[in-house]
Amino acid sequence: MKTPLIIFGVLIAGFIVFNLFLQTDNERIDTAINIIYASILFGYISFMAFSLLKKMKK
């Protein structure tokens, strides 16, 4: 369970770095990138939860 948490930490760090340092001049593009990135993060959270529930069932 340690590797998925490290990957999740890297994803969160990438999200923070983008929002603090790597924003573009166009606000609409920034919003679209934030929405896509947040969707990926929530999808990964659901994948981790599903994996955990699958391991607990065994």
PDB file of N, CA and C in Angstrom:
ATOM      1  N   MET A   1       0.836  -1.199   0.000  1.00  0.00           N
ATOM      2  CA  MET A   1       0.000   0.000   0.000  1.00  0.00           C
ATOM      3  C   MET A   1       0.872   1.251   0.000  1.00  0.00           C
ATOM      4  N   LYS A   2       2.162   1.072   0.159  1.00  0.00           N
ATOM      5  CA  LYS A   2       3.043   2.234   0.241  1.00  0.00           C
ATOM      6  C   LYS A   2       3.235   2.898  -1.125  1.00  0.00           C
ATOM      7  N   THR A   3       3.377   2.115  -2.183  1.00  0.00           N
ATOM      8  CA  THR A   3       3.618   2.666  -3.517  1.00  0.00           C
ATOM      9  C   THR A   3       2.458   3.536  -4.011  1.00  0.00           C
ATOM     10  N   PRO A   4       1.192   3.108  -3.871  1.00  0.00           N
ATOM     11  CA  PRO A   4       0.100   3.991  -4.309  1.00  0.00           C
ATOM     12  C   PRO A   4       0.044   5.315  -3.551  1.00  0.00           C
ATOM     13  N   LEU A   5       0.428   5.287  -2.275  1.00  0.00           N
ATOM     14  CA  LEU A   5       0.431   6.535  -1.509  1.00  0.00           C
ATOM     15  C   LEU A   5       1.538   7.470  -1.973  1.00  0.00           C
ATOM     16  N   ILE A   6       2.674   6.918  -2.367  1.00  0.00           N
ATOM     17  CA  ILE A   6       3.756   7.744  -2.900  1.00  0.00           C
ATOM     18  C   ILE A   6       3.334   8.362  -4.227  1.00  0.00           C
ATOM     19  N   ILE A   7       2.692   7.560  -5.079  1.00  0.00           N
ATOM     20  CA  ILE A   7       2.203   8.088  -6.358  1.00  0.00           C
ATOM     21  C   ILE A   7       1.177   9.188  -6.117  1.00  0.00           C
ATOM     22  N   PHE A   8       0.286   8.976  -5.152  1.00  0.00           N
ATOM     23  CA  PHE A   8      -0.720   9.993  -4.834  1.00  0.00           C
ATOM     24  C   PHE A   8      -0.052  11.271  -4.330  1.00  0.00           C
ATOM     25  N   GLY A   9       0.975  11.137  -3.508  1.00  0.00           N
ATOM     26  CA  GLY A   9       1.706  12.310  -3.024  1.00  0.00           C
ATOM     27  C   GLY A   9       2.366  13.076  -4.153  1.00  0.00           C
ATOM     28  N   VAL A  10       2.916  12.356  -5.125  1.00  0.00           N
ATOM     29  CA  VAL A  10       3.534  13.007  -6.282  1.00  0.00           C
ATOM     30  C   VAL A  10       2.475  13.738  -7.108  1.00  0.00           C
ATOM     31  N   LEU A  11       1.311  13.119  -7.277  1.00  0.00           N
ATOM     32  CA  LEU A  11       0.224  13.783  -8.013  1.00  0.00           C
ATOM     33  C   LEU A  11      -0.231  15.063  -7.307  1.00  0.00           C
ATOM     34  N   ILE A  12      -0.370  15.013  -5.988  1.00  0.00           N
ATOM     35  CA  ILE A  12      -0.766  16.199  -5.222  1.00  0.00           C
ATOM     36  C   ILE A  12       0.306  17.275  -5.331  1.00  0.00           C
ATOM     37  N   ALA A  13       1.580  16.884  -5.226  1.00  0.00           N
ATOM     38  CA  ALA A  13       2.669  17.858  -5.347  1.00  0.00           C
ATOM     39  C   ALA A  13       2.669  18.496  -6.737  1.00  0.00           C
ATOM     40  N   GLY A  14       2.417  17.707  -7.775  1.00  0.00           N
ATOM     41  CA  GLY A  14       2.329  18.257  -9.126  1.00  0.00           C
ATOM     42  C   GLY A  14       1.188  19.239  -9.270  1.00  0.00           C
ATOM     43  N   PHE A  15       0.065  18.944  -8.645  1.00  0.00           N
ATOM     44  CA  PHE A  15      -1.088  19.850  -8.679  1.00  0.00           C
ATOM     45  C   PHE A  15      -0.750  21.173  -8.009  1.00  0.00           C
ATOM     46  N   ILE A  16      -0.084  21.107  -6.864  1.00  0.00           N
ATOM     47  CA  ILE A  16       0.290  22.325  -6.135  1.00  0.00           C
ATOM     48  C   ILE A  16       1.320  23.127  -6.924  1.00  0.00           C
ATOM     49  N   VAL A  17       2.306  22.444  -7.481  1.00  0.00           N
ATOM     50  CA  VAL A  17       3.341  23.140  -8.258  1.00  0.00           C
ATOM     51  C   VAL A  17       2.729  23.833  -9.471  1.00  0.00           C
ATOM     52  N   PHE A  18       1.805  23.162 -10.147  1.00  0.00           N
ATOM     53  CA  PHE A  18       1.165  23.794 -11.300  1.00  0.00           C
ATOM     54  C   PHE A  18       0.418  25.052 -10.886  1.00  0.00           C
ATOM     55  N   ASN A  19      -0.343  24.961  -9.807  1.00  0.00           N
ATOM     56  CA  ASN A  19      -1.154  26.113  -9.402  1.00  0.00           C
ATOM     57  C   ASN A  19      -0.318  27.262  -8.855  1.00  0.00           C
ATOM     58  N   LEU A  20       0.857  26.981  -8.330  1.00  0.00           N
ATOM     59  CA  LEU A  20       1.681  28.056  -7.794  1.00  0.00           C
ATOM     60  C   LEU A  20       2.639  28.649  -8.821  1.00  0.00           C
ATOM     61  N   PHE A  21       3.217  27.812  -9.693  1.00  0.00           N
ATOM     62  CA  PHE A  21       4.316  28.295 -10.534  1.00  0.00           C
ATOM     63  C   PHE A  21       4.086  28.182 -12.036  1.00  0.00           C
ATOM     64  N   LEU A  22       3.315  27.238 -12.499  1.00  0.00           N
ATOM     65  CA  LEU A  22       3.272  26.930 -13.918  1.00  0.00           C
ATOM     66  C   LEU A  22       1.996  27.373 -14.632  1.00  0.00           C
ATOM     67  N   GLN A  23       1.294  28.333 -14.109  1.00  0.00           N
ATOM     68  CA  GLN A  23       0.052  28.756 -14.741  1.00  0.00           C
ATOM     69  C   GLN A  23       0.328  29.521 -16.032  1.00  0.00           C
ATOM     70  N   THR A  24      -0.607  29.400 -16.956  1.00  0.00           N
ATOM     71  CA  THR A  24      -0.499  30.106 -18.226  1.00  0.00           C
ATOM     72  C   THR A  24      -1.188  31.463 -18.114  1.00  0.00           C
ATOM     73  N   ASP A  25      -1.099  32.236 -19.192  1.00  0.00           N
ATOM     74  CA  ASP A  25      -1.740  33.551 -19.192  1.00  0.00           C
ATOM     75  C   ASP A  25      -3.250  33.459 -19.396  1.00  0.00           C
ATOM     76  N   ASN A  26      -3.696  32.381 -20.009  1.00  0.00           N
ATOM     77  CA  ASN A  26      -5.111  32.217 -20.296  1.00  0.00           C
ATOM     78  C   ASN A  26      -5.802  31.528 -19.121  1.00  0.00           C
ATOM     79  N   GLU A  27      -6.779  32.198 -18.539  1.00  0.00           N
ATOM     80  CA  GLU A  27      -7.469  31.665 -17.365  1.00  0.00           C
ATOM     81  C   GLU A  27      -8.340  30.464 -17.712  1.00  0.00           C
ATOM     82  N   ARG A  28      -8.887  30.446 -18.917  1.00  0.00           N
ATOM     83  CA  ARG A  28      -9.744  29.325 -19.317  1.00  0.00           C
ATOM     84  C   ARG A  28      -8.937  28.035 -19.438  1.00  0.00           C
ATOM     85  N   ILE A  29      -7.722  28.122 -19.955  1.00  0.00           N
ATOM     86  CA  ILE A  29      -6.869  26.938 -20.066  1.00  0.00           C
ATOM     87  C   ILE A  29      -6.469  26.438 -18.682  1.00  0.00           C
ATOM     88  N   ASP A  30      -6.149  27.369 -17.772  1.00  0.00           N
ATOM     89  CA  ASP A  30      -5.810  26.984 -16.397  1.00  0.00           C
ATOM     90  C   ASP A  30      -6.974  26.261 -15.724  1.00  0.00           C
ATOM     91  N   THR A  31      -8.167  26.762 -15.928  1.00  0.00           N
ATOM     92  CA  THR A  31      -9.342  26.129 -15.338  1.00  0.00           C
ATOM     93  C   THR A  31      -9.550  24.736 -15.912  1.00  0.00           C
ATOM     94  N   ALA A  32      -9.386  24.593 -17.211  1.00  0.00           N
ATOM     95  CA  ALA A  32      -9.547  23.280 -17.843  1.00  0.00           C
ATOM     96  C   ALA A  32      -8.499  22.294 -17.317  1.00  0.00           C
ATOM     97  N   ILE A  33      -7.252  22.745 -17.200  1.00  0.00           N
ATOM     98  CA  ILE A  33      -6.190  21.871 -16.686  1.00  0.00           C
ATOM     99  C   ILE A  33      -6.479  21.483 -15.239  1.00  0.00           C
ATOM    100  N   ASN A  34      -6.944  22.421 -14.432  1.00  0.00           N
ATOM    101  CA  ASN A  34      -7.280  22.117 -13.032  1.00  0.00           C
ATOM    102  C   ASN A  34      -8.409  21.102 -12.942  1.00  0.00           C
ATOM    103  N   ILE A  35      -9.419  21.231 -13.781  1.00  0.00           N
ATOM    104  CA  ILE A  35     -10.543  20.290 -13.761  1.00  0.00           C
ATOM    105  C   ILE A  35     -10.076  18.897 -14.167  1.00  0.00           C
ATOM    106  N   ILE A  36      -9.264  18.813 -15.216  1.00  0.00           N
ATOM    107  CA  ILE A  36      -8.763  17.513 -15.669  1.00  0.00           C
ATOM    108  C   ILE A  36      -7.864  16.878 -14.613  1.00  0.00           C
ATOM    109  N   TYR A  37      -6.989  17.684 -14.031  1.00  0.00           N
ATOM    110  CA  TYR A  37      -6.070  17.161 -13.005  1.00  0.00           C
ATOM    111  C   TYR A  37      -6.845  16.696 -11.772  1.00  0.00           C
ATOM    112  N   ALA A  38      -7.847  17.466 -11.360  1.00  0.00           N
ATOM    113  CA  ALA A  38      -8.656  17.064 -10.210  1.00  0.00           C
ATOM    114  C   ALA A  38      -9.425  15.781 -10.515  1.00  0.00           C
ATOM    115  N   SER A  39      -9.896  15.624 -11.735  1.00  0.00           N
ATOM    116  CA  SER A  39     -10.588  14.389 -12.112  1.00  0.00           C
ATOM    117  C   SER A  39      -9.652  13.188 -12.023  1.00  0.00           C
ATOM    118  N   ILE A  40      -8.417  13.367 -12.457  1.00  0.00           N
ATOM    119  CA  ILE A  40      -7.429  12.292 -12.364  1.00  0.00           C
ATOM    120  C   ILE A  40      -7.161  11.952 -10.893  1.00  0.00           C
ATOM    121  N   LEU A  41      -7.040  12.985 -10.059  1.00  0.00           N
ATOM    122  CA  LEU A  41      -6.795  12.746  -8.626  1.00  0.00           C
ATOM    123  C   LEU A  41      -7.951  11.990  -7.981  1.00  0.00           C
ATOM    124  N   PHE A  42      -9.191  12.393  -8.253  1.00  0.00           N
ATOM    125  CA  PHE A  42     -10.336  11.702  -7.668  1.00  0.00           C
ATOM    126  C   PHE A  42     -10.461  10.282  -8.210  1.00  0.00           C
ATOM    127  N   GLY A  43     -10.128  10.091  -9.481  1.00  0.00           N
ATOM    128  CA  GLY A  43     -10.133   8.746 -10.043  1.00  0.00           C
ATOM    129  C   GLY A  43      -9.103   7.859  -9.370  1.00  0.00           C
ATOM    130  N   TYR A  44      -7.944   8.422  -9.088  1.00  0.00           N
ATOM    131  CA  TYR A  44      -6.900   7.638  -8.419  1.00  0.00           C
ATOM    132  C   TYR A  44      -7.300   7.322  -6.978  1.00  0.00           C
ATOM    133  N   ILE A  45      -7.959   8.259  -6.309  1.00  0.00           N
ATOM    134  CA  ILE A  45      -8.455   7.993  -4.956  1.00  0.00           C
ATOM    135  C   ILE A  45      -9.455   6.838  -4.983  1.00  0.00           C
ATOM    136  N   SER A  46     -10.355   6.846  -5.961  1.00  0.00           N
ATOM    137  CA  SER A  46     -11.335   5.763  -6.043  1.00  0.00           C
ATOM    138  C   SER A  46     -10.657   4.432  -6.373  1.00  0.00           C
ATOM    139  N   PHE A  47      -9.616   4.459  -7.202  1.00  0.00           N
ATOM    140  CA  PHE A  47      -8.861   3.241  -7.499  1.00  0.00           C
ATOM    141  C   PHE A  47      -8.201   2.698  -6.238  1.00  0.00           C
ATOM    142  N   MET A  48      -7.598   3.585  -5.430  1.00  0.00           N
ATOM    143  CA  MET A  48      -6.957   3.133  -4.188  1.00  0.00           C
ATOM    144  C   MET A  48      -7.995   2.553  -3.228  1.00  0.00           C
ATOM    145  N   ALA A  49      -9.165   3.189  -3.132  1.00  0.00           N
ATOM    146  CA  ALA A  49     -10.206   2.681  -2.242  1.00  0.00           C
ATOM    147  C   ALA A  49     -10.709   1.325  -2.717  1.00  0.00           C
ATOM    148  N   PHE A  50     -10.908   1.184  -4.017  1.00  0.00           N
ATOM    149  CA  PHE A  50     -11.361  -0.088  -4.566  1.00  0.00           C
ATOM    150  C   PHE A  50     -10.333  -1.192  -4.301  1.00  0.00           C
ATOM    151  N   SER A  51      -9.060  -0.868  -4.482  1.00  0.00           N
ATOM    152  CA  SER A  51      -7.999  -1.850  -4.229  1.00  0.00           C
ATOM    153  C   SER A  51      -7.961  -2.249  -2.761  1.00  0.00           C
ATOM    154  N   LEU A  52      -8.132  -1.278  -1.881  1.00  0.00           N
ATOM    155  CA  LEU A  52      -8.131  -1.563  -0.447  1.00  0.00           C
ATOM    156  C   LEU A  52      -9.312  -2.444  -0.061  1.00  0.00           C
ATOM    157  N   LEU A  53     -10.491  -2.133  -0.582  1.00  0.00           N
ATOM    158  CA  LEU A  53     -11.655  -2.957  -0.284  1.00  0.00           C
ATOM    159  C   LEU A  53     -11.508  -4.375  -0.829  1.00  0.00           C
ATOM    160  N   LYS A  54     -10.884  -4.492  -1.987  1.00  0.00           N
ATOM    161  CA  LYS A  54     -10.654  -5.809  -2.565  1.00  0.00           C
ATOM    162  C   LYS A  54      -9.693  -6.622  -1.701  1.00  0.00           C
ATOM    163  N   LYS A  55      -8.650  -5.965  -1.161  1.00  0.00           N
ATOM    164  CA  LYS A  55      -7.717  -6.675  -0.279  1.00  0.00           C
ATOM    165  C   LYS A  55      -8.363  -7.044   1.037  1.00  0.00           C
ATOM    166  N   MET A  56      -9.250  -6.189   1.555  1.00  0.00           N
ATOM    167  CA  MET A  56      -9.902  -6.479   2.830  1.00  0.00           C
ATOM    168  C   MET A  56     -10.892  -7.638   2.699  1.00  0.00           C
ATOM    169  N   LYS A  57     -11.453  -7.810   1.511  1.00  0.00           N
ATOM    170  CA  LYS A  57     -12.438  -8.871   1.307  1.00  0.00           C
ATOM    171  C   LYS A  57     -11.794 -10.256   1.358  1.00  0.00           C
ATOM    172  N   LYS A  58     -10.518 -10.341   0.973  1.00  0.00           N
ATOM    173  CA  LYS A  58      -9.831 -11.644   0.955  1.00  0.00           C
ATOM    174  C   LYS A  58      -9.544 -12.178   2.303  1.00  0.00           C
TER     175      LYS A  58
END
